[in-house]
PDB file of N, CA and C in Angstrom:
ATOM      1  N   MET A   1       1.554 -14.337 -16.111  1.00  0.00           N
ATOM      2  CA  MET A   1      -0.169 -14.006 -14.648  1.00  0.00           C
ATOM      3  C   MET A   1      -1.012 -14.300 -16.352  1.00  0.00           C
ATOM      4  N   SER A   2      -2.180 -14.502 -16.051  1.00  0.00           N
ATOM      5  CA  SER A   2      -3.241 -14.582 -17.130  1.00  0.00           C
ATOM      6  C   SER A   2      -3.529 -13.097 -17.812  1.00  0.00           C
ATOM      7  N   GLN A   3      -4.244 -13.225 -19.255  1.00  0.00           N
ATOM      8  CA  GLN A   3      -3.573 -12.039 -19.826  1.00  0.00           C
ATOM      9  C   GLN A   3      -4.788 -10.598 -18.663  1.00  0.00           C
ATOM     10  N   SER A   4      -6.107 -11.156 -18.621  1.00  0.00           N
ATOM     11  CA  SER A   4      -6.267  -9.407 -17.166  1.00  0.00           C
ATOM     12  C   SER A   4      -5.762  -9.393 -15.823  1.00  0.00           C
ATOM     13  N   GLN A   5      -4.779 -10.380 -15.203  1.00  0.00           N
ATOM     14  CA  GLN A   5      -4.154 -10.655 -13.840  1.00  0.00           C
ATOM     15  C   GLN A   5      -2.844 -10.066 -14.380  1.00  0.00           C
ATOM     16  N   PHE A   6      -2.648  -8.947 -13.351  1.00  0.00           N
ATOM     17  CA  PHE A   6      -1.952  -8.160 -12.621  1.00  0.00           C
ATOM     18  C   PHE A   6      -1.289  -8.731 -11.337  1.00  0.00           C
ATOM     19  N   LEU A   7       0.113  -8.139 -10.922  1.00  0.00           N
ATOM     20  CA  LEU A   7       1.124  -7.568 -10.269  1.00  0.00           C
ATOM     21  C   LEU A   7       1.726  -6.808  -9.846  1.00  0.00           C
ATOM     22  N   ASN A   8       1.435  -6.466  -8.081  1.00  0.00           N
ATOM     23  CA  ASN A   8       2.123  -5.057  -7.903  1.00  0.00           C
ATOM     24  C   ASN A   8       3.005  -5.357  -6.958  1.00  0.00           C
ATOM     25  N   LEU A   9       4.462  -5.044  -7.409  1.00  0.00           N
ATOM     26  CA  LEU A   9       5.210  -5.141  -6.096  1.00  0.00           C
ATOM     27  C   LEU A   9       6.660  -3.816  -6.205  1.00  0.00           C
ATOM     28  N   GLU A  10       6.364  -3.410  -4.314  1.00  0.00           N
ATOM     29  CA  GLU A  10       6.341  -2.062  -4.103  1.00  0.00           C
ATOM     30  C   GLU A  10       7.561  -2.334  -3.230  1.00  0.00           C
ATOM     31  N   ALA A  11       8.445  -1.079  -3.006  1.00  0.00           N
ATOM     32  CA  ALA A  11       9.490  -1.533  -2.589  1.00  0.00           C
ATOM     33  C   ALA A  11      10.232   0.636  -2.544  1.00  0.00           C
ATOM     34  N   ASP A  12      10.079   1.014  -0.620  1.00  0.00           N
ATOM     35  CA  ASP A  12      10.581   1.497  -0.505  1.00  0.00           C
ATOM     36  C   ASP A  12      10.888   2.187   0.932  1.00  0.00           C
ATOM     37  N   SER A  13      12.608   2.617   0.768  1.00  0.00           N
ATOM     38  CA  SER A  13      13.074   2.890   2.277  1.00  0.00           C
ATOM     39  C   SER A  13      13.838   3.676   1.956  1.00  0.00           C
ATOM     40  N   ALA A  14      13.976   4.744   3.725  1.00  0.00           N
ATOM     41  CA  ALA A  14      15.503   5.872   3.811  1.00  0.00           C
ATOM     42  C   ALA A  14      15.602   5.724   4.332  1.00  0.00           C
ATOM     43  N   PHE A  15      16.637   6.043   4.694  1.00  0.00           N
ATOM     44  CA  PHE A  15      17.779   5.016   6.072  1.00  0.00           C
ATOM     45  C   PHE A  15      18.748   6.861   6.456  1.00  0.00           C
ATOM     46  N   ASP A  16      18.008   7.245   7.613  1.00  0.00           N
ATOM     47  CA  ASP A  16      18.256   8.580   7.816  1.00  0.00           C
ATOM     48  C   ASP A  16      18.850   8.704   9.379  1.00  0.00           C
ATOM     49  N   ASP A  17      17.958   9.840  10.183  1.00  0.00           N
ATOM     50  CA  ASP A  17      17.848   9.311  11.823  1.00  0.00           C
ATOM     51  C   ASP A  17      16.441   8.458  11.820  1.00  0.00           C
ATOM     52  N   THR A  18      15.964   8.794  11.233  1.00  0.00           N
ATOM     53  CA  THR A  18      14.906   7.961  11.108  1.00  0.00           C
ATOM     54  C   THR A  18      15.019   6.419   9.631  1.00  0.00           C
ATOM     55  N   ASP A  19      15.222   5.429  10.337  1.00  0.00           N
ATOM     56  CA  ASP A  19      15.702   4.449   9.400  1.00  0.00           C
ATOM     57  C   ASP A  19      13.459   3.843   9.230  1.00  0.00           C
ATOM     58  N   SER A  20      13.251   3.861   7.819  1.00  0.00           N
ATOM     59  CA  SER A  20      12.298   3.527   7.163  1.00  0.00           C
ATOM     60  C   SER A  20      12.271   2.188   5.516  1.00  0.00           C
ATOM     61  N   LEU A  21      11.330   1.265   6.176  1.00  0.00           N
ATOM     62  CA  LEU A  21      11.744   0.670   5.452  1.00  0.00           C
ATOM     63  C   LEU A  21      10.030  -0.214   4.774  1.00  0.00           C
ATOM     64  N   THR A  22       9.786  -0.020   3.299  1.00  0.00           N
ATOM     65  CA  THR A  22       8.500  -0.294   3.407  1.00  0.00           C
ATOM     66  C   THR A  22       8.233  -1.151   2.145  1.00  0.00           C
ATOM     67  N   LEU A  23       7.135  -2.622   2.445  1.00  0.00           N
ATOM     68  CA  LEU A  23       7.284  -3.434   1.604  1.00  0.00           C
ATOM     69  C   LEU A  23       5.592  -3.415   1.035  1.00  0.00           C
ATOM     70  N   GLY A  24       5.309  -3.944   0.182  1.00  0.00           N
ATOM     71  CA  GLY A  24       3.774  -3.971  -0.887  1.00  0.00           C
ATOM     72  C   GLY A  24       3.355  -4.586  -1.864  1.00  0.00           C
ATOM     73  N   ALA A  25       2.530  -5.292  -1.919  1.00  0.00           N
ATOM     74  CA  ALA A  25       1.940  -6.181  -3.038  1.00  0.00           C
ATOM     75  C   ALA A  25       0.768  -6.209  -3.231  1.00  0.00           C
ATOM     76  N   ASP A  26       0.186  -6.018  -4.866  1.00  0.00           N
ATOM     77  CA  ASP A  26      -0.597  -5.991  -4.789  1.00  0.00           C
ATOM     78  C   ASP A  26      -1.404  -7.012  -5.738  1.00  0.00           C
ATOM     79  N   TYR A  27      -2.384  -7.197  -5.536  1.00  0.00           N
ATOM     80  CA  TYR A  27      -3.101  -8.905  -7.362  1.00  0.00           C
ATOM     81  C   TYR A  27      -4.388  -7.408  -7.479  1.00  0.00           C
ATOM     82  N   TYR A  28      -3.869  -7.827  -8.883  1.00  0.00           N
ATOM     83  CA  TYR A  28      -5.326  -6.910  -9.871  1.00  0.00           C
ATOM     84  C   TYR A  28      -5.688  -8.330 -10.692  1.00  0.00           C
ATOM     85  N   PHE A  29      -7.321  -8.824  -9.633  1.00  0.00           N
ATOM     86  CA  PHE A  29      -8.457  -9.308 -10.592  1.00  0.00           C
ATOM     87  C   PHE A  29      -8.802  -9.641 -12.255  1.00  0.00           C
ATOM     88  N   ASP A  30      -8.777  -8.206 -12.213  1.00  0.00           N
ATOM     89  CA  ASP A  30      -8.315  -7.857 -14.144  1.00  0.00           C
ATOM     90  C   ASP A  30      -8.107  -6.303 -13.731  1.00  0.00           C
ATOM     91  N   GLN A  31      -8.237  -5.352 -14.533  1.00  0.00           N
ATOM     92  CA  GLN A  31      -7.399  -3.912 -14.756  1.00  0.00           C
ATOM     93  C   GLN A  31      -8.208  -2.760 -14.128  1.00  0.00           C
ATOM     94  N   ALA A  32      -9.349  -3.488 -13.042  1.00  0.00           N
ATOM     95  CA  ALA A  32     -10.315  -2.478 -12.645  1.00  0.00           C
ATOM     96  C   ALA A  32      -9.882  -2.636 -11.075  1.00  0.00           C
ATOM     97  N   PHE A  33      -9.659  -3.851 -11.472  1.00  0.00           N
ATOM     98  CA  PHE A  33      -9.241  -4.166  -9.621  1.00  0.00           C
ATOM     99  C   PHE A  33      -8.678  -4.539  -8.556  1.00  0.00           C
ATOM    100  N   SER A  34      -8.397  -4.272  -7.714  1.00  0.00           N
ATOM    101  CA  SER A  34      -7.210  -4.691  -7.534  1.00  0.00           C
ATOM    102  C   SER A  34      -7.560  -5.127  -5.217  1.00  0.00           C
ATOM    103  N   LEU A  35      -6.462  -5.884  -4.584  1.00  0.00           N
ATOM    104  CA  LEU A  35      -6.511  -6.206  -3.077  1.00  0.00           C
ATOM    105  C   LEU A  35      -4.901  -6.239  -2.915  1.00  0.00           C
ATOM    106  N   GLY A  36      -4.364  -5.822  -2.400  1.00  0.00           N
ATOM    107  CA  GLY A  36      -3.004  -5.314  -1.422  1.00  0.00           C
ATOM    108  C   GLY A  36      -2.557  -5.885  -0.458  1.00  0.00           C
ATOM    109  N   THR A  37      -2.023  -5.568  -0.170  1.00  0.00           N
ATOM    110  CA  THR A  37      -1.224  -5.618   1.288  1.00  0.00           C
ATOM    111  C   THR A  37      -0.173  -4.392   1.357  1.00  0.00           C
ATOM    112  N   ALA A  38       0.757  -4.263   2.467  1.00  0.00           N
ATOM    113  CA  ALA A  38       2.161  -3.297   2.298  1.00  0.00           C
ATOM    114  C   ALA A  38       2.121  -3.352   5.059  1.00  0.00           C
ATOM    115  N   ASN A  39       3.354  -3.672   4.432  1.00  0.00           N
ATOM    116  CA  ASN A  39       4.345  -3.366   6.125  1.00  0.00           C
ATOM    117  C   ASN A  39       5.269  -2.874   6.269  1.00  0.00           C
ATOM    118  N   ASN A  40       5.562  -1.223   7.076  1.00  0.00           N
ATOM    119  CA  ASN A  40       5.958  -0.340   7.247  1.00  0.00           C
ATOM    120  C   ASN A  40       6.701  -0.821   8.117  1.00  0.00           C
ATOM    121  N   ILE A  41       7.877  -0.999   8.777  1.00  0.00           N
ATOM    122  CA  ILE A  41       8.736  -0.617   9.481  1.00  0.00           C
ATOM    123  C   ILE A  41       9.646   0.528   9.496  1.00  0.00           C
ATOM    124  N   GLN A  42       9.335   0.914  11.020  1.00  0.00           N
ATOM    125  CA  GLN A  42       9.952   2.444  10.677  1.00  0.00           C
ATOM    126  C   GLN A  42      10.861   2.259  12.307  1.00  0.00           C
ATOM    127  N   ASP A  43      12.453   2.545  11.877  1.00  0.00           N
ATOM    128  CA  ASP A  43      13.561   3.141  13.314  1.00  0.00           C
ATOM    129  C   ASP A  43      14.008   3.983  13.620  1.00  0.00           C
ATOM    130  N   ASP A  44      13.443   4.591  14.613  1.00  0.00           N
ATOM    131  CA  ASP A  44      14.618   5.834  14.625  1.00  0.00           C
ATOM    132  C   ASP A  44      15.425   6.346  16.064  1.00  0.00           C
ATOM    133  N   GLY A  45      15.934   5.210  16.248  1.00  0.00           N
ATOM    134  CA  GLY A  45      16.883   4.642  17.376  1.00  0.00           C
ATOM    135  C   GLY A  45      16.031   4.540  18.319  1.00  0.00           C
ATOM    136  N   GLU A  46      15.264   4.432  19.324  1.00  0.00           N
ATOM    137  CA  GLU A  46      14.754   4.688  20.417  1.00  0.00           C
ATOM    138  C   GLU A  46      13.593   3.558  20.040  1.00  0.00           C
ATOM    139  N   ASP A  47      12.579   4.028  19.561  1.00  0.00           N
ATOM    140  CA  ASP A  47      11.347   2.810  19.176  1.00  0.00           C
ATOM    141  C   ASP A  47      10.770   2.501  17.749  1.00  0.00           C
ATOM    142  N   ASP A  48      10.863   1.510  17.669  1.00  0.00           N
ATOM    143  CA  ASP A  48      11.037   0.408  16.282  1.00  0.00           C
ATOM    144  C   ASP A  48       9.229   0.713  15.996  1.00  0.00           C
ATOM    145  N   VAL A  49       8.356   0.832  14.978  1.00  0.00           N
ATOM    146  CA  VAL A  49       7.038   1.113  14.491  1.00  0.00           C
ATOM    147  C   VAL A  49       6.541  -0.259  13.419  1.00  0.00           C
ATOM    148  N   ASP A  50       6.339  -0.735  13.927  1.00  0.00           N
ATOM    149  CA  ASP A  50       5.534  -1.600  12.861  1.00  0.00           C
ATOM    150  C   ASP A  50       4.443  -1.628  12.043  1.00  0.00           C
ATOM    151  N   PHE A  51       3.930  -1.192  11.108  1.00  0.00           N
ATOM    152  CA  PHE A  51       2.392  -0.996  10.645  1.00  0.00           C
ATOM    153  C   PHE A  51       2.549  -1.843   9.528  1.00  0.00           C
ATOM    154  N   PHE A  52       1.167  -2.230   9.434  1.00  0.00           N
ATOM    155  CA  PHE A  52       0.864  -3.901   8.453  1.00  0.00           C
ATOM    156  C   PHE A  52      -0.396  -3.123   7.717  1.00  0.00           C
ATOM    157  N   SER A  53      -1.151  -3.101   7.089  1.00  0.00           N
ATOM    158  CA  SER A  53      -2.268  -2.593   5.925  1.00  0.00           C
ATOM    159  C   SER A  53      -3.174  -3.091   4.787  1.00  0.00           C
ATOM    160  N   ILE A  54      -4.321  -2.851   4.802  1.00  0.00           N
ATOM    161  CA  ILE A  54      -4.934  -4.025   4.181  1.00  0.00           C
ATOM    162  C   ILE A  54      -5.409  -2.977   3.049  1.00  0.00           C
ATOM    163  N   ARG A  55      -5.408  -2.575   1.579  1.00  0.00           N
ATOM    164  CA  ARG A  55      -5.788  -2.155   0.728  1.00  0.00           C
ATOM    165  C   ARG A  55      -6.647  -2.470  -0.275  1.00  0.00           C
ATOM    166  N   SER A  56      -6.788  -1.718  -1.503  1.00  0.00           N
ATOM    167  CA  SER A  56      -8.161  -2.076  -2.342  1.00  0.00           C
ATOM    168  C   SER A  56      -8.114  -0.797  -3.078  1.00  0.00           C
ATOM    169  N   LYS A  57      -7.834  -0.729  -4.092  1.00  0.00           N
ATOM    170  CA  LYS A  57      -8.043   0.591  -5.591  1.00  0.00           C
ATOM    171  C   LYS A  57      -8.900  -0.243  -6.763  1.00  0.00           C
ATOM    172  N   TYR A  58     -10.126   0.204  -6.984  1.00  0.00           N
ATOM    173  CA  TYR A  58     -10.729   0.615  -7.966  1.00  0.00           C
ATOM    174  C   TYR A  58     -11.012   0.939  -8.846  1.00  0.00           C
ATOM    175  N   PHE A  59     -10.164   0.985 -10.815  1.00  0.00           N
ATOM    176  CA  PHE A  59      -9.945   2.264 -11.257  1.00  0.00           C
ATOM    177  C   PHE A  59     -11.474   2.635 -11.983  1.00  0.00           C
ATOM    178  N   ILE A  60     -12.699   3.158 -12.002  1.00  0.00           N
ATOM    179  CA  ILE A  60     -13.659   3.761 -12.924  1.00  0.00           C
ATOM    180  C   ILE A  60     -13.775   3.723 -14.137  1.00  0.00           C
ATOM    181  N   ASN A  61     -12.508   4.433 -14.202  1.00  0.00           N
ATOM    182  CA  ASN A  61     -12.439   4.741 -15.436  1.00  0.00           C
ATOM    183  C   ASN A  61     -10.527   4.235 -16.211  1.00  0.00           C
ATOM    184  N   SER A  62     -10.210   4.396 -17.048  1.00  0.00           N
ATOM    185  CA  SER A  62      -8.135   3.897 -17.194  1.00  0.00           C
ATOM    186  C   SER A  62      -8.233   5.134 -17.000  1.00  0.00           C
ATOM    187  N   ASN A  63      -8.300   7.227 -16.292  1.00  0.00           N
ATOM    188  CA  ASN A  63      -7.181   7.388 -15.094  1.00  0.00           C
ATOM    189  C   ASN A  63      -7.702   7.648 -14.297  1.00  0.00           C
ATOM    190  N   PHE A  64      -9.323   7.294 -13.995  1.00  0.00           N
ATOM    191  CA  PHE A  64      -9.849   7.664 -12.822  1.00  0.00           C
ATOM    192  C   PHE A  64      -9.815   5.830 -11.205  1.00  0.00           C
ATOM    193  N   ALA A  65      -8.777   6.602  -9.951  1.00  0.00           N
ATOM    194  CA  ALA A  65      -9.348   5.419  -9.430  1.00  0.00           C
ATOM    195  C   ALA A  65     -10.264   5.738  -8.134  1.00  0.00           C
ATOM    196  N   VAL A  66     -10.428   4.828  -7.019  1.00  0.00           N
ATOM    197  CA  VAL A  66     -11.077   5.221  -6.151  1.00  0.00           C
ATOM    198  C   VAL A  66     -10.191   4.093  -5.243  1.00  0.00           C
ATOM    199  N   GLY A  67      -9.904   3.849  -3.776  1.00  0.00           N
ATOM    200  CA  GLY A  67      -8.985   3.119  -2.898  1.00  0.00           C
ATOM    201  C   GLY A  67      -9.482   3.781  -1.557  1.00  0.00           C
ATOM    202  N   GLY A  68      -9.464   2.020  -1.123  1.00  0.00           N
ATOM    203  CA  GLY A  68      -9.151   2.012   0.436  1.00  0.00           C
ATOM    204  C   GLY A  68      -8.180   0.938   1.521  1.00  0.00           C
ATOM    205  N   GLU A  69      -7.555   2.092   2.941  1.00  0.00           N
ATOM    206  CA  GLU A  69      -6.920   1.026   3.114  1.00  0.00           C
ATOM    207  C   GLU A  69      -6.933   0.849   4.634  1.00  0.00           C
ATOM    208  N   VAL A  70      -6.989  -0.205   4.977  1.00  0.00           N
ATOM    209  CA  VAL A  70      -6.926  -0.153   7.018  1.00  0.00           C
ATOM    210  C   VAL A  70      -5.660  -0.646   7.384  1.00  0.00           C
ATOM    211  N   GLY A  71      -5.254  -0.248   8.510  1.00  0.00           N
ATOM    212  CA  GLY A  71      -4.279  -1.033   8.872  1.00  0.00           C
ATOM    213  C   GLY A  71      -3.861  -0.491  10.114  1.00  0.00           C
ATOM    214  N   PHE A  72      -2.916  -1.738  10.652  1.00  0.00           N
ATOM    215  CA  PHE A  72      -3.361  -1.999  12.219  1.00  0.00           C
ATOM    216  C   PHE A  72      -1.702  -2.427  13.000  1.00  0.00           C
ATOM    217  N   GLY A  73      -1.205  -1.567  13.480  1.00  0.00           N
ATOM    218  CA  GLY A  73      -0.262  -1.650  14.087  1.00  0.00           C
ATOM    219  C   GLY A  73       0.453  -1.023  15.354  1.00  0.00           C
ATOM    220  N   ASP A  74       1.692  -1.293  15.929  1.00  0.00           N
ATOM    221  CA  ASP A  74       1.941  -0.197  17.675  1.00  0.00           C
ATOM    222  C   ASP A  74       1.820   0.728  18.071  1.00  0.00           C
ATOM    223  N   ASP A  75       0.288   0.405  18.597  1.00  0.00           N
ATOM    224  CA  ASP A  75      -0.166   1.788  19.418  1.00  0.00           C
ATOM    225  C   ASP A  75      -1.548   2.433  18.171  1.00  0.00           C
ATOM    226  N   VAL A  76      -0.874   1.681  16.560  1.00  0.00           N
ATOM    227  CA  VAL A  76      -1.586   2.811  15.430  1.00  0.00           C
ATOM    228  C   VAL A  76      -2.839   1.989  14.805  1.00  0.00           C
ATOM    229  N   GLN A  77      -3.800   2.701  14.663  1.00  0.00           N
ATOM    230  CA  GLN A  77      -4.890   1.994  13.700  1.00  0.00           C
ATOM    231  C   GLN A  77      -4.986   2.975  12.552  1.00  0.00           C
ATOM    232  N   ALA A  78      -5.104   3.035  11.525  1.00  0.00           N
ATOM    233  CA  ALA A  78      -5.851   4.212  10.534  1.00  0.00           C
ATOM    234  C   ALA A  78      -6.680   3.535   9.547  1.00  0.00           C
ATOM    235  N   PHE A  79      -6.971   4.387   9.091  1.00  0.00           N
ATOM    236  CA  PHE A  79      -8.288   4.513   7.997  1.00  0.00           C
ATOM    237  C   PHE A  79      -7.978   5.261   6.952  1.00  0.00           C
ATOM    238  N   ASN A  80      -8.060   4.545   5.552  1.00  0.00           N
ATOM    239  CA  ASN A  80      -7.660   5.832   4.186  1.00  0.00           C
ATOM    240  C   ASN A  80      -8.466   5.495   3.070  1.00  0.00           C
ATOM    241  N   ILE A  81      -8.932   6.559   2.930  1.00  0.00           N
ATOM    242  CA  ILE A  81     -10.227   6.274   1.490  1.00  0.00           C
ATOM    243  C   ILE A  81      -9.243   8.047   0.515  1.00  0.00           C
ATOM    244  N   ASN A  82      -8.959   6.870  -0.180  1.00  0.00           N
ATOM    245  CA  ASN A  82      -8.203   7.897  -1.431  1.00  0.00           C
ATOM    246  C   ASN A  82      -8.734   7.565  -2.359  1.00  0.00           C
ATOM    247  N   ALA A  83      -8.417   9.091  -3.276  1.00  0.00           N
ATOM    248  CA  ALA A  83      -8.475   9.017  -4.881  1.00  0.00           C
ATOM    249  C   ALA A  83      -7.524   8.973  -5.810  1.00  0.00           C
ATOM    250  N   THR A  84      -7.202   8.414  -6.840  1.00  0.00           N
ATOM    251  CA  THR A  84      -6.475   8.416  -7.823  1.00  0.00           C
ATOM    252  C   THR A  84      -6.539   8.817  -9.120  1.00  0.00           C
ATOM    253  N   TYR A  85      -5.797  10.177  -9.786  1.00  0.00           N
ATOM    254  CA  TYR A  85      -5.927  10.128 -11.269  1.00  0.00           C
ATOM    255  C   TYR A  85      -4.617  10.019 -11.926  1.00  0.00           C
ATOM    256  N   ARG A  86      -4.907   9.297 -13.338  1.00  0.00           N
ATOM    257  CA  ARG A  86      -2.890   9.371 -13.735  1.00  0.00           C
ATOM    258  C   ARG A  86      -3.871  10.180 -15.093  1.00  0.00           C
ATOM    259  N   PHE A  87      -2.139  10.185 -15.504  1.00  0.00           N
ATOM    260  CA  PHE A  87      -2.464  10.617 -17.022  1.00  0.00           C
ATOM    261  C   PHE A  87      -1.135  10.956 -17.626  1.00  0.00           C
TER     262      PHE A  87
END
């Protein structure tokens, strides 16, 4: 990618009584602003739950960011506002 654009890829899984798989990707337009998606699948042996979300993050400075996420799934809708501090 170009000097100021980045791609973040994520994967997370857990296999136990409830199996879970999450895949996500974020595109950083510059060092401060990103837009991305994530998909989560859970299976507890009886029910399968699929959840898709669109998310964004903005770094106010190199350590502090604010973000938001809107998600849709099987009988689930969610809205998330968050803050991140990294050190």
